[in-house]
Amino acid sequence: MSNISIKALCKDYYLGKTIVHALKNINLEIATGSFVCVAGPSGSGKTTLLNIIGLIDEATKGDVHIAGEDIQALSEKLRTRYRNQTLGFIFQSFNLMPVLNIYENIHLPLILHKELSKKEKNARIMELIEAVGLTEYIKHKPYELSGGQRQRVAIARALVTHPKIVLADEPTANLDSVTGSEVLTLMQSINKSRGTTFIFSSHDQHIMDRAERAIRLRDGKLEEA
């Protein structure tokens, strides 16, 4: 079953009179429950591809369907809802709120989920804090945590809405090799236990090797899928 279908995808950026072709005619199918790495050197188009799938950026041309829905045709209101209900995001810079503790940071994406009771929200947050091994740090602020611990908080925050797809842009780039490997193991465990689709970008061969499939980009073109 194909969860994500991308056809003839192109993305151009305009820098003055210069056109930068960030993505050139990308065709991809990604199955539900995949653990996929988008690989390639800096400037290859990895982040651009993730941002288009994540509705952070818009394609210049081409089609992107998720679970059969044309996501590019959604209104801005529906895009916001789609990002909050279907997608989870993990960033290399963690993007945690410094004034909030772990519990509060993970709670943030649930604010828009009015259908969940306070008890249900609390149960989700506590389950994930335990899953990422940070129960004893629940009241800590991000600055009191190591890089690996902060990335674990970011993973829990991405998963608290029960997204179908998690997009992780260079999730291990700011971590040492041992901690990066531990974060990947955690993501793989969640992928297997929940069937969540993970799409992460990297230019690190050791990280690429952990994926069940590598999508390789170079200069905006698909080299291997």
Foldseek 3Di string as FASTA:
>chain_A
DFQKWWFQFWAWDDDDPDIATQAGGDTDTDHFLFFEEAAEDPSQNQVVVLCCQLVVDDTPDTFMDGNRDGLNPDDPVVSVVCNLQAEFEAEQVLPFDQVAFLLVRLLVSCPPVPVDDPVRLVVLSCVLCVLLPNNVRRRPGPVVDDSLVSSSSSVSSRPSSPHQEYEYEPNCVPDPPVSSVVSLVSVVVCSVVSSRHYYYYDHDPVSNVSGPYYFYGGSNYTPDD
